[in-house]
Every structure is written in structure tokens, then in C-alpha cells.
């Protein structure tokens, strides 16, 4: 069958919410680029500006073979458990949110 099953959607919901929060935090700030680590957008930032500062936030869990969870699901239908990742730990979420806000303040000031 095609499409995304309910289990996959439920497991990935927290990750999608995390990405959404970062996107909203960067919205309207032309000096912020939100990019997937494998994309060329981060390279464009380096090449187009004299200085670039990066805030890396790993969201999708990696599978055993190093692919991300979405690619693994598309390829095999296997749902990777990310329950042990930082965004499922409220202390880590608070720390990460604080660091993101500090990063945005830094960008606003420069």
C-alpha cells in the first residue's frame, strides 16, 4: 500500500513540531537560512556572505545504515524509534530552546 501509515505519522509528529518551531523562529529574518544539512543552502550562505554562523539541530533520527528516518521508511517501511532523542527529554528541549533564542538574539544584533 502507498502513503504514510498512522504509526509512522505518530512517531514523526514530535520531529515535525520541532522543525516547525525552528521555522517559525526564523520566519521574516532574511539573514537566517534554515536548511537540511545535505542541501546546498548552507553552502550558499558560506559563499554569499563574509561571515556565517551555524546552529545545527539534528531532528530526524539516523537509521543503522546512516540514512535519516524518512528515507529509511520510504525505502523499507521500517519506522525508526526516536524516543531516546533530545526532543523527547523536556530538560534538553528547554536547553535547546534557550540556545536557539540566544542564537536568534545574536543574529538580530548583528
PDB file of N, CA and C in Angstrom:
ATOM      1  N   UNK A   1       0.835  -1.183   0.000  1.00  0.00           N
ATOM      2  CA  UNK A   1       0.000   0.000   0.000  1.00  0.00           C
ATOM      3  C   UNK A   1       0.872   1.237   0.000  1.00  0.00           C
ATOM      4  N   UNK A   2       0.329   2.325  -0.501  1.00  0.00           N
ATOM      5  CA  UNK A   2       1.098   3.562  -0.559  1.00  0.00           C
ATOM      6  C   UNK A   2       0.627   4.501   0.537  1.00  0.00           C
ATOM      7  N   UNK A   3       1.393   5.552   0.753  1.00  0.00           N
ATOM      8  CA  UNK A   3       1.038   6.531   1.764  1.00  0.00           C
ATOM      9  C   UNK A   3       1.764   6.254   3.070  1.00  0.00           C
ATOM     10  N   UNK A   4       1.545   7.150   4.011  1.00  0.00           N
ATOM     11  CA  UNK A   4       2.207   7.056   5.303  1.00  0.00           C
ATOM     12  C   UNK A   4       1.247   6.416   6.291  1.00  0.00           C
ATOM     13  N   UNK A   5       1.717   5.379   6.996  1.00  0.00           N
ATOM     14  CA  UNK A   5       0.831   4.735   7.959  1.00  0.00           C
ATOM     15  C   UNK A   5       0.751   5.558   9.243  1.00  0.00           C
ATOM     16  N   UNK A   6      -0.249   5.264  10.066  1.00  0.00           N
ATOM     17  CA  UNK A   6      -0.501   6.031  11.286  1.00  0.00           C
ATOM     18  C   UNK A   6       0.668   5.955  12.258  1.00  0.00           C
ATOM     19  N   UNK A   7       1.292   4.786  12.393  1.00  0.00           N
ATOM     20  CA  UNK A   7       2.411   4.636  13.315  1.00  0.00           C
ATOM     21  C   UNK A   7       3.552   5.577  12.936  1.00  0.00           C
ATOM     22  N   UNK A   8       3.882   5.619  11.659  1.00  0.00           N
ATOM     23  CA  UNK A   8       4.959   6.495  11.207  1.00  0.00           C
ATOM     24  C   UNK A   8       4.609   7.950  11.497  1.00  0.00           C
ATOM     25  N   UNK A   9       3.381   8.328  11.197  1.00  0.00           N
ATOM     26  CA  UNK A   9       2.946   9.705  11.435  1.00  0.00           C
ATOM     27  C   UNK A   9       3.020  10.095  12.903  1.00  0.00           C
ATOM     28  N   UNK A  10       2.617   9.199  13.794  1.00  0.00           N
ATOM     29  CA  UNK A  10       2.657   9.489  15.225  1.00  0.00           C
ATOM     30  C   UNK A  10       4.089   9.607  15.730  1.00  0.00           C
ATOM     31  N   UNK A  11       4.952   8.728  15.275  1.00  0.00           N
ATOM     32  CA  UNK A  11       6.346   8.758  15.714  1.00  0.00           C
ATOM     33  C   UNK A  11       7.034  10.030  15.224  1.00  0.00           C
ATOM     34  N   UNK A  12       6.729  10.477  14.039  1.00  0.00           N
ATOM     35  CA  UNK A  12       7.393  11.646  13.456  1.00  0.00           C
ATOM     36  C   UNK A  12       6.739  12.967  13.845  1.00  0.00           C
ATOM     37  N   UNK A  13       5.586  12.948  14.487  1.00  0.00           N
ATOM     38  CA  UNK A  13       4.866  14.181  14.819  1.00  0.00           C
ATOM     39  C   UNK A  13       5.712  15.123  15.671  1.00  0.00           C
ATOM     40  N   UNK A  14       6.414  14.612  16.643  1.00  0.00           N
ATOM     41  CA  UNK A  14       7.243  15.442  17.512  1.00  0.00           C
ATOM     42  C   UNK A  14       8.371  16.093  16.713  1.00  0.00           C
ATOM     43  N   UNK A  15       8.949  15.344  15.787  1.00  0.00           N
ATOM     44  CA  UNK A  15      10.026  15.890  14.963  1.00  0.00           C
ATOM     45  C   UNK A  15       9.515  17.011  14.068  1.00  0.00           C
ATOM     46  N   UNK A  16       8.347  16.802  13.486  1.00  0.00           N
ATOM     47  CA  UNK A  16       7.751  17.817  12.626  1.00  0.00           C
ATOM     48  C   UNK A  16       7.454  19.079  13.428  1.00  0.00           C
ATOM     49  N   UNK A  17       6.946  18.917  14.645  1.00  0.00           N
ATOM     50  CA  UNK A  17       6.671  20.070  15.514  1.00  0.00           C
ATOM     51  C   UNK A  17       7.952  20.827  15.839  1.00  0.00           C
ATOM     52  N   UNK A  18       9.040  20.096  16.054  1.00  0.00           N
ATOM     53  CA  UNK A  18      10.327  20.721  16.347  1.00  0.00           C
ATOM     54  C   UNK A  18      10.808  21.549  15.162  1.00  0.00           C
ATOM     55  N   UNK A  19      10.735  20.971  13.984  1.00  0.00           N
ATOM     56  CA  UNK A  19      11.137  21.697  12.777  1.00  0.00           C
ATOM     57  C   UNK A  19      10.259  22.934  12.586  1.00  0.00           C
ATOM     58  N   UNK A  20       8.969  22.798  12.839  1.00  0.00           N
ATOM     59  CA  UNK A  20       8.026  23.913  12.707  1.00  0.00           C
ATOM     60  C   UNK A  20       8.398  25.062  13.649  1.00  0.00           C
ATOM     61  N   UNK A  21       8.785  24.752  14.882  1.00  0.00           N
ATOM     62  CA  UNK A  21       9.180  25.795  15.829  1.00  0.00           C
ATOM     63  C   UNK A  21      10.407  26.560  15.334  1.00  0.00           C
ATOM     64  N   UNK A  22      11.371  25.842  14.793  1.00  0.00           N
ATOM     65  CA  UNK A  22      12.578  26.496  14.270  1.00  0.00           C
ATOM     66  C   UNK A  22      12.219  27.369  13.071  1.00  0.00           C
ATOM     67  N   UNK A  23      11.368  26.851  12.194  1.00  0.00           N
ATOM     68  CA  UNK A  23      10.957  27.623  11.016  1.00  0.00           C
ATOM     69  C   UNK A  23      10.231  28.906  11.431  1.00  0.00           C
ATOM     70  N   UNK A  24       9.377  28.806  12.429  1.00  0.00           N
ATOM     71  CA  UNK A  24       8.656  29.998  12.909  1.00  0.00           C
ATOM     72  C   UNK A  24       9.614  30.995  13.552  1.00  0.00           C
ATOM     73  N   UNK A  25      10.602  30.506  14.279  1.00  0.00           N
ATOM     74  CA  UNK A  25      11.581  31.388  14.913  1.00  0.00           C
ATOM     75  C   UNK A  25      12.402  32.139  13.868  1.00  0.00           C
ATOM     76  N   UNK A  26      12.669  31.517  12.744  1.00  0.00           N
ATOM     77  CA  UNK A  26      13.480  32.135  11.687  1.00  0.00           C
ATOM     78  C   UNK A  26      12.646  32.941  10.696  1.00  0.00           C
ATOM     79  N   UNK A  27      11.333  32.809  10.762  1.00  0.00           N
ATOM     80  CA  UNK A  27      10.449  33.478   9.790  1.00  0.00           C
ATOM     81  C   UNK A  27      10.640  34.993   9.807  1.00  0.00           C
ATOM     82  N   UNK A  28      10.715  35.564   8.637  1.00  0.00           N
ATOM     83  CA  UNK A  28      10.827  37.005   8.489  1.00  0.00           C
ATOM     84  C   UNK A  28      12.218  37.546   8.739  1.00  0.00           C
ATOM     85  N   UNK A  29      13.157  36.696   9.007  1.00  0.00           N
ATOM     86  CA  UNK A  29      14.532  37.134   9.267  1.00  0.00           C
ATOM     87  C   UNK A  29      15.382  36.730   8.062  1.00  0.00           C
ATOM     88  N   UNK A  30      15.589  37.671   7.182  1.00  0.00           N
ATOM     89  CA  UNK A  30      16.257  37.367   5.915  1.00  0.00           C
ATOM     90  C   UNK A  30      17.691  36.895   6.106  1.00  0.00           C
ATOM     91  N   UNK A  31      18.264  37.157   7.239  1.00  0.00           N
ATOM     92  CA  UNK A  31      19.636  36.753   7.489  1.00  0.00           C
ATOM     93  C   UNK A  31      19.737  35.339   8.064  1.00  0.00           C
ATOM     94  N   UNK A  32      18.595  34.654   8.223  1.00  0.00           N
ATOM     95  CA  UNK A  32      18.594  33.267   8.673  1.00  0.00           C
ATOM     96  C   UNK A  32      18.219  32.358   7.522  1.00  0.00           C
ATOM     97  N   UNK A  33      18.940  31.286   7.396  1.00  0.00           N
ATOM     98  CA  UNK A  33      18.615  30.257   6.401  1.00  0.00           C
ATOM     99  C   UNK A  33      18.408  28.957   7.165  1.00  0.00           C
ATOM    100  N   UNK A  34      17.261  28.350   6.982  1.00  0.00           N
ATOM    101  CA  UNK A  34      17.012  27.042   7.572  1.00  0.00           C
ATOM    102  C   UNK A  34      17.188  26.041   6.445  1.00  0.00           C
ATOM    103  N   UNK A  35      18.114  25.113   6.637  1.00  0.00           N
ATOM    104  CA  UNK A  35      18.448  24.183   5.559  1.00  0.00           C
ATOM    105  C   UNK A  35      18.683  22.786   6.095  1.00  0.00           C
ATOM    106  N   UNK A  36      18.372  21.834   5.274  1.00  0.00           N
ATOM    107  CA  UNK A  36      18.728  20.453   5.576  1.00  0.00           C
ATOM    108  C   UNK A  36      20.239  20.341   5.423  1.00  0.00           C
ATOM    109  N   UNK A  37      20.869  19.578   6.290  1.00  0.00           N
ATOM    110  CA  UNK A  37      22.333  19.540   6.299  1.00  0.00           C
ATOM    111  C   UNK A  37      22.937  19.052   4.989  1.00  0.00           C
ATOM    112  N   UNK A  38      22.217  18.234   4.248  1.00  0.00           N
ATOM    113  CA  UNK A  38      22.749  17.722   2.987  1.00  0.00           C
ATOM    114  C   UNK A  38      22.438  18.620   1.788  1.00  0.00           C
ATOM    115  N   UNK A  39      21.757  19.738   2.027  1.00  0.00           N
ATOM    116  CA  UNK A  39      21.388  20.614   0.909  1.00  0.00           C
ATOM    117  C   UNK A  39      22.509  21.592   0.604  1.00  0.00           C
ATOM    118  N   UNK A  40      22.351  22.330  -0.455  1.00  0.00           N
ATOM    119  CA  UNK A  40      23.365  23.321  -0.828  1.00  0.00           C
ATOM    120  C   UNK A  40      23.081  24.683  -0.211  1.00  0.00           C
ATOM    121  N   UNK A  41      21.963  24.855   0.465  1.00  0.00           N
ATOM    122  CA  UNK A  41      21.612  26.163   1.024  1.00  0.00           C
ATOM    123  C   UNK A  41      22.635  26.633   2.046  1.00  0.00           C
ATOM    124  N   UNK A  42      23.167  25.728   2.864  1.00  0.00           N
ATOM    125  CA  UNK A  42      24.170  26.156   3.827  1.00  0.00           C
ATOM    126  C   UNK A  42      25.478  26.532   3.134  1.00  0.00           C
ATOM    127  N   UNK A  43      25.801  25.865   2.040  1.00  0.00           N
ATOM    128  CA  UNK A  43      26.980  26.252   1.253  1.00  0.00           C
ATOM    129  C   UNK A  43      26.780  27.626   0.629  1.00  0.00           C
ATOM    130  N   UNK A  44      25.573  27.907   0.163  1.00  0.00           N
ATOM    131  CA  UNK A  44      25.270  29.225  -0.398  1.00  0.00           C
ATOM    132  C   UNK A  44      25.491  30.320   0.645  1.00  0.00           C
ATOM    133  N   UNK A  45      25.115  30.040   1.895  1.00  0.00           N
ATOM    134  CA  UNK A  45      25.311  31.031   2.960  1.00  0.00           C
ATOM    135  C   UNK A  45      26.788  31.324   3.154  1.00  0.00           C
ATOM    136  N   UNK A  46      27.597  30.303   3.116  1.00  0.00           N
ATOM    137  CA  UNK A  46      29.044  30.488   3.287  1.00  0.00           C
ATOM    138  C   UNK A  46      29.630  31.292   2.129  1.00  0.00           C
ATOM    139  N   UNK A  47      29.223  30.965   0.916  1.00  0.00           N
ATOM    140  CA  UNK A  47      29.789  31.610  -0.260  1.00  0.00           C
ATOM    141  C   UNK A  47      29.255  33.023  -0.492  1.00  0.00           C
ATOM    142  N   UNK A  48      28.044  33.323  -0.013  1.00  0.00           N
ATOM    143  CA  UNK A  48      27.436  34.619  -0.293  1.00  0.00           C
ATOM    144  C   UNK A  48      27.680  35.670   0.772  1.00  0.00           C
ATOM    145  N   UNK A  49      28.271  35.286   1.875  1.00  0.00           N
ATOM    146  CA  UNK A  49      28.463  36.232   2.970  1.00  0.00           C
ATOM    147  C   UNK A  49      29.898  36.155   3.483  1.00  0.00           C
ATOM    148  N   UNK A  50      30.346  37.283   3.996  1.00  0.00           N
ATOM    149  CA  UNK A  50      31.704  37.313   4.530  1.00  0.00           C
ATOM    150  C   UNK A  50      31.822  36.441   5.779  1.00  0.00           C
ATOM    151  N   UNK A  51      30.762  36.445   6.601  1.00  0.00           N
ATOM    152  CA  UNK A  51      30.735  35.641   7.815  1.00  0.00           C
ATOM    153  C   UNK A  51      29.452  34.828   7.844  1.00  0.00           C
ATOM    154  N   UNK A  52      29.524  33.667   8.428  1.00  0.00           N
ATOM    155  CA  UNK A  52      28.336  32.827   8.612  1.00  0.00           C
ATOM    156  C   UNK A  52      28.475  32.083   9.937  1.00  0.00           C
ATOM    157  N   UNK A  53      27.384  32.033  10.673  1.00  0.00           N
ATOM    158  CA  UNK A  53      27.342  31.301  11.932  1.00  0.00           C
ATOM    159  C   UNK A  53      26.239  30.267  11.795  1.00  0.00           C
ATOM    160  N   UNK A  54      26.525  29.051  12.230  1.00  0.00           N
ATOM    161  CA  UNK A  54      25.574  27.957  12.053  1.00  0.00           C
ATOM    162  C   UNK A  54      25.059  27.455  13.390  1.00  0.00           C
ATOM    163  N   UNK A  55      23.794  27.118  13.396  1.00  0.00           N
ATOM    164  CA  UNK A  55      23.144  26.476  14.540  1.00  0.00           C
ATOM    165  C   UNK A  55      22.621  25.150  14.015  1.00  0.00           C
ATOM    166  N   UNK A  56      23.289  24.086  14.369  1.00  0.00           N
ATOM    167  CA  UNK A  56      22.892  22.757  13.880  1.00  0.00           C
ATOM    168  C   UNK A  56      21.930  22.127  14.871  1.00  0.00           C
ATOM    169  N   UNK A  57      20.844  21.618  14.346  1.00  0.00           N
ATOM    170  CA  UNK A  57      19.829  20.981  15.170  1.00  0.00           C
ATOM    171  C   UNK A  57      19.425  19.676  14.498  1.00  0.00           C
ATOM    172  N   UNK A  58      19.916  18.578  15.021  1.00  0.00           N
ATOM    173  CA  UNK A  58      19.588  17.274  14.448  1.00  0.00           C
ATOM    174  C   UNK A  58      18.200  16.853  14.908  1.00  0.00           C
ATOM    175  N   UNK A  59      17.324  16.613  13.943  1.00  0.00           N
ATOM    176  CA  UNK A  59      15.938  16.290  14.282  1.00  0.00           C
ATOM    177  C   UNK A  59      15.585  14.860  13.914  1.00  0.00           C
ATOM    178  N   UNK A  60      15.752  14.484  12.670  1.00  0.00           N
ATOM    179  CA  UNK A  60      15.383  13.122  12.290  1.00  0.00           C
ATOM    180  C   UNK A  60      16.426  12.128  12.783  1.00  0.00           C
ATOM    181  N   UNK A  61      15.970  11.038  13.394  1.00  0.00           N
ATOM    182  CA  UNK A  61      16.937  10.034  13.852  1.00  0.00           C
ATOM    183  C   UNK A  61      17.612   9.348  12.670  1.00  0.00           C
ATOM    184  N   UNK A  62      18.793   8.858  12.907  1.00  0.00           N
ATOM    185  CA  UNK A  62      19.525   8.119  11.882  1.00  0.00           C
ATOM    186  C   UNK A  62      19.235   6.635  12.035  1.00  0.00           C
ATOM    187  N   UNK A  63      19.129   5.963  10.917  1.00  0.00           N
ATOM    188  CA  UNK A  63      18.959   4.517  10.953  1.00  0.00           C
ATOM    189  C   UNK A  63      20.333   3.863  11.050  1.00  0.00           C
ATOM    190  N   UNK A  64      20.352   2.580  11.150  1.00  0.00           N
ATOM    191  CA  UNK A  64      21.609   1.848  11.300  1.00  0.00           C
ATOM    192  C   UNK A  64      22.559   2.109  10.143  1.00  0.00           C
ATOM    193  N   UNK A  65      22.028   2.244   8.931  1.00  0.00           N
ATOM    194  CA  UNK A  65      22.900   2.460   7.772  1.00  0.00           C
ATOM    195  C   UNK A  65      23.207   3.932   7.517  1.00  0.00           C
ATOM    196  N   UNK A  66      22.830   4.810   8.451  1.00  0.00           N
ATOM    197  CA  UNK A  66      23.188   6.217   8.345  1.00  0.00           C
ATOM    198  C   UNK A  66      22.197   7.083   7.599  1.00  0.00           C
ATOM    199  N   UNK A  67      21.149   6.520   7.059  1.00  0.00           N
ATOM    200  CA  UNK A  67      20.124   7.304   6.378  1.00  0.00           C
ATOM    201  C   UNK A  67      19.218   7.935   7.430  1.00  0.00           C
ATOM    202  N   UNK A  68      18.460   8.967   7.041  1.00  0.00           N
ATOM    203  CA  UNK A  68      17.527   9.502   8.025  1.00  0.00           C
ATOM    204  C   UNK A  68      16.264   8.660   8.051  1.00  0.00           C
ATOM    205  N   UNK A  69      15.463   8.872   9.069  1.00  0.00           N
ATOM    206  CA  UNK A  69      14.290   8.031   9.307  1.00  0.00           C
ATOM    207  C   UNK A  69      13.298   8.080   8.151  1.00  0.00           C
ATOM    208  N   UNK A  70      13.146   9.230   7.527  1.00  0.00           N
ATOM    209  CA  UNK A  70      12.196   9.338   6.415  1.00  0.00           C
ATOM    210  C   UNK A  70      12.664   8.510   5.220  1.00  0.00           C
ATOM    211  N   UNK A  71      13.947   8.616   4.893  1.00  0.00           N
ATOM    212  CA  UNK A  71      14.479   7.836   3.774  1.00  0.00           C
ATOM    213  C   UNK A  71      14.370   6.338   4.051  1.00  0.00           C
ATOM    214  N   UNK A  72      14.625   5.956   5.297  1.00  0.00           N
ATOM    215  CA  UNK A  72      14.534   4.553   5.681  1.00  0.00           C
ATOM    216  C   UNK A  72      13.101   4.046   5.540  1.00  0.00           C
ATOM    217  N   UNK A  73      12.144   4.876   5.971  1.00  0.00           N
ATOM    218  CA  UNK A  73      10.739   4.474   5.872  1.00  0.00           C
ATOM    219  C   UNK A  73      10.312   4.324   4.412  1.00  0.00           C
ATOM    220  N   UNK A  74      10.717   5.267   3.588  1.00  0.00           N
ATOM    221  CA  UNK A  74      10.363   5.209   2.160  1.00  0.00           C
ATOM    222  C   UNK A  74      10.947   3.958   1.519  1.00  0.00           C
ATOM    223  N   UNK A  75      12.189   3.650   1.882  1.00  0.00           N
ATOM    224  CA  UNK A  75      12.880   2.514   1.290  1.00  0.00           C
ATOM    225  C   UNK A  75      12.353   1.168   1.792  1.00  0.00           C
ATOM    226  N   UNK A  76      12.109   1.058   3.097  1.00  0.00           N
ATOM    227  CA  UNK A  76      11.811  -0.266   3.650  1.00  0.00           C
ATOM    228  C   UNK A  76      10.495  -0.371   4.408  1.00  0.00           C
ATOM    229  N   UNK A  77       9.871   0.772   4.720  1.00  0.00           N
ATOM    230  CA  UNK A  77       8.657   0.743   5.520  1.00  0.00           C
ATOM    231  C   UNK A  77       8.942   0.620   7.007  1.00  0.00           C
ATOM    232  N   UNK A  78      10.222   0.599   7.385  1.00  0.00           N
ATOM    233  CA  UNK A  78      10.610   0.468   8.788  1.00  0.00           C
ATOM    234  C   UNK A  78      10.494   1.808   9.497  1.00  0.00           C
ATOM    235  N   UNK A  79       9.843   1.814  10.658  1.00  0.00           N
ATOM    236  CA  UNK A  79       9.707   3.020  11.469  1.00  0.00           C
ATOM    237  C   UNK A  79      10.828   3.021  12.500  1.00  0.00           C
ATOM    238  N   UNK A  80      11.707   4.019  12.435  1.00  0.00           N
ATOM    239  CA  UNK A  80      12.827   4.139  13.367  1.00  0.00           C
ATOM    240  C   UNK A  80      12.321   4.795  14.653  1.00  0.00           C
ATOM    241  N   UNK A  81      12.621   4.197  15.778  1.00  0.00           N
ATOM    242  CA  UNK A  81      12.218   4.724  17.078  1.00  0.00           C
ATOM    243  C   UNK A  81      13.174   5.844  17.468  1.00  0.00           C
ATOM    244  N   UNK A  82      12.642   7.015  17.710  1.00  0.00           N
ATOM    245  CA  UNK A  82      13.459   8.140  18.136  1.00  0.00           C
ATOM    246  C   UNK A  82      13.150   8.558  19.559  1.00  0.00           C
ATOM    247  N   UNK A  83      12.578   7.659  20.358  1.00  0.00           N
ATOM    248  CA  UNK A  83      12.138   8.018  21.711  1.00  0.00           C
ATOM    249  C   UNK A  83      13.288   8.426  22.630  1.00  0.00           C
ATOM    250  N   UNK A  84      14.512   8.045  22.310  1.00  0.00           N
ATOM    251  CA  UNK A  84      15.647   8.408  23.153  1.00  0.00           C
ATOM    252  C   UNK A  84      16.331   9.699  22.707  1.00  0.00           C
ATOM    253  N   UNK A  85      15.790  10.389  21.727  1.00  0.00           N
ATOM    254  CA  UNK A  85      16.425  11.602  21.208  1.00  0.00           C
ATOM    255  C   UNK A  85      16.105  12.826  22.063  1.00  0.00           C
ATOM    256  N   UNK A  86      16.880  13.876  21.890  1.00  0.00           N
ATOM    257  CA  UNK A  86      16.830  15.059  22.739  1.00  0.00           C
ATOM    258  C   UNK A  86      15.447  15.687  22.834  1.00  0.00           C
ATOM    259  N   UNK A  87      14.669  15.697  21.759  1.00  0.00           N
ATOM    260  CA  UNK A  87      13.379  16.395  21.788  1.00  0.00           C
ATOM    261  C   UNK A  87      12.297  15.615  22.522  1.00  0.00           C
ATOM    262  N   UNK A  88      12.629  14.463  23.046  1.00  0.00           N
ATOM    263  CA  UNK A  88      11.724  13.711  23.909  1.00  0.00           C
ATOM    264  C   UNK A  88      12.162  13.812  25.371  1.00  0.00           C
ATOM    265  N   UNK A  89      13.103  14.703  25.655  1.00  0.00           N
ATOM    266  CA  UNK A  89      13.601  14.955  27.006  1.00  0.00           C
ATOM    267  C   UNK A  89      13.328  16.429  27.297  1.00  0.00           C
ATOM    268  N   UNK A  90      12.422  16.704  28.230  1.00  0.00           N
ATOM    269  CA  UNK A  90      11.988  18.083  28.473  1.00  0.00           C
ATOM    270  C   UNK A  90      13.139  18.998  28.902  1.00  0.00           C
ATOM    271  N   UNK A  91      14.098  18.492  29.658  1.00  0.00           N
ATOM    272  CA  UNK A  91      15.250  19.311  30.047  1.00  0.00           C
ATOM    273  C   UNK A  91      16.053  19.708  28.808  1.00  0.00           C
ATOM    274  N   UNK A  92      16.309  18.751  27.929  1.00  0.00           N
ATOM    275  CA  UNK A  92      17.061  19.026  26.700  1.00  0.00           C
ATOM    276  C   UNK A  92      16.286  19.971  25.789  1.00  0.00           C
ATOM    277  N   UNK A  93      14.972  19.839  25.740  1.00  0.00           N
ATOM    278  CA  UNK A  93      14.148  20.735  24.919  1.00  0.00           C
ATOM    279  C   UNK A  93      14.268  22.167  25.434  1.00  0.00           C
ATOM    280  N   UNK A  94      14.197  22.333  26.745  1.00  0.00           N
ATOM    281  CA  UNK A  94      14.341  23.674  27.329  1.00  0.00           C
ATOM    282  C   UNK A  94      15.700  24.280  27.032  1.00  0.00           C
ATOM    283  N   UNK A  95      16.755  23.483  27.180  1.00  0.00           N
ATOM    284  CA  UNK A  95      18.110  23.968  26.900  1.00  0.00           C
ATOM    285  C   UNK A  95      18.273  24.331  25.428  1.00  0.00           C
ATOM    286  N   UNK A  96      17.737  23.494  24.560  1.00  0.00           N
ATOM    287  CA  UNK A  96      17.847  23.741  23.127  1.00  0.00           C
ATOM    288  C   UNK A  96      17.060  24.981  22.736  1.00  0.00           C
ATOM    289  N   UNK A  97      15.861  25.140  23.290  1.00  0.00           N
ATOM    290  CA  UNK A  97      15.059  26.329  23.015  1.00  0.00           C
ATOM    291  C   UNK A  97      15.759  27.594  23.458  1.00  0.00           C
ATOM    292  N   UNK A  98      16.389  27.534  24.627  1.00  0.00           N
ATOM    293  CA  UNK A  98      17.137  28.693  25.125  1.00  0.00           C
ATOM    294  C   UNK A  98      18.301  29.027  24.187  1.00  0.00           C
ATOM    295  N   UNK A  99      19.038  28.011  23.770  1.00  0.00           N
ATOM    296  CA  UNK A  99      20.162  28.228  22.858  1.00  0.00           C
ATOM    297  C   UNK A  99      19.696  28.802  21.529  1.00  0.00           C
ATOM    298  N   UNK A 100      18.555  28.326  21.028  1.00  0.00           N
ATOM    299  CA  UNK A 100      18.011  28.859  19.777  1.00  0.00           C
ATOM    300  C   UNK A 100      17.651  30.332  19.940  1.00  0.00           C
ATOM    301  N   UNK A 101      17.015  30.685  21.051  1.00  0.00           N
ATOM    302  CA  UNK A 101      16.652  32.084  21.282  1.00  0.00           C
ATOM    303  C   UNK A 101      17.894  32.969  21.383  1.00  0.00           C
ATOM    304  N   UNK A 102      18.937  32.473  22.031  1.00  0.00           N
ATOM    305  CA  UNK A 102      20.194  33.222  22.123  1.00  0.00           C
ATOM    306  C   UNK A 102      20.830  33.388  20.737  1.00  0.00           C
ATOM    307  N   UNK A 103      20.755  32.358  19.932  1.00  0.00           N
ATOM    308  CA  UNK A 103      21.281  32.418  18.571  1.00  0.00           C
ATOM    309  C   UNK A 103      20.526  33.472  17.756  1.00  0.00           C
ATOM    310  N   UNK A 104      19.210  33.497  17.903  1.00  0.00           N
ATOM    311  CA  UNK A 104      18.394  34.480  17.180  1.00  0.00           C
ATOM    312  C   UNK A 104      18.709  35.901  17.678  1.00  0.00           C
ATOM    313  N   UNK A 105      18.872  36.071  18.974  1.00  0.00           N
ATOM    314  CA  UNK A 105      19.250  37.393  19.514  1.00  0.00           C
ATOM    315  C   UNK A 105      20.585  37.845  18.932  1.00  0.00           C
ATOM    316  N   UNK A 106      21.526  36.916  18.837  1.00  0.00           N
ATOM    317  CA  UNK A 106      22.827  37.227  18.248  1.00  0.00           C
ATOM    318  C   UNK A 106      22.661  37.693  16.805  1.00  0.00           C
ATOM    319  N   UNK A 107      21.839  36.964  16.040  1.00  0.00           N
ATOM    320  CA  UNK A 107      21.583  37.352  14.655  1.00  0.00           C
ATOM    321  C   UNK A 107      20.904  38.696  14.551  1.00  0.00           C
ATOM    322  N   UNK A 108      19.959  38.962  15.439  1.00  0.00           N
ATOM    323  CA  UNK A 108      19.256  40.261  15.431  1.00  0.00           C
ATOM    324  C   UNK A 108      20.204  41.410  15.724  1.00  0.00           C
ATOM    325  N   UNK A 109      21.173  41.151  16.595  1.00  0.00           N
ATOM    326  CA  UNK A 109      22.124  42.192  16.987  1.00  0.00           C
ATOM    327  C   UNK A 109      23.197  42.462  15.935  1.00  0.00           C
ATOM    328  N   UNK A 110      23.375  41.508  15.034  1.00  0.00           N
ATOM    329  CA  UNK A 110      24.427  41.656  14.035  1.00  0.00           C
ATOM    330  C   UNK A 110      23.802  41.819  12.688  1.00  0.00           C
TER     331      UNK A 110
END
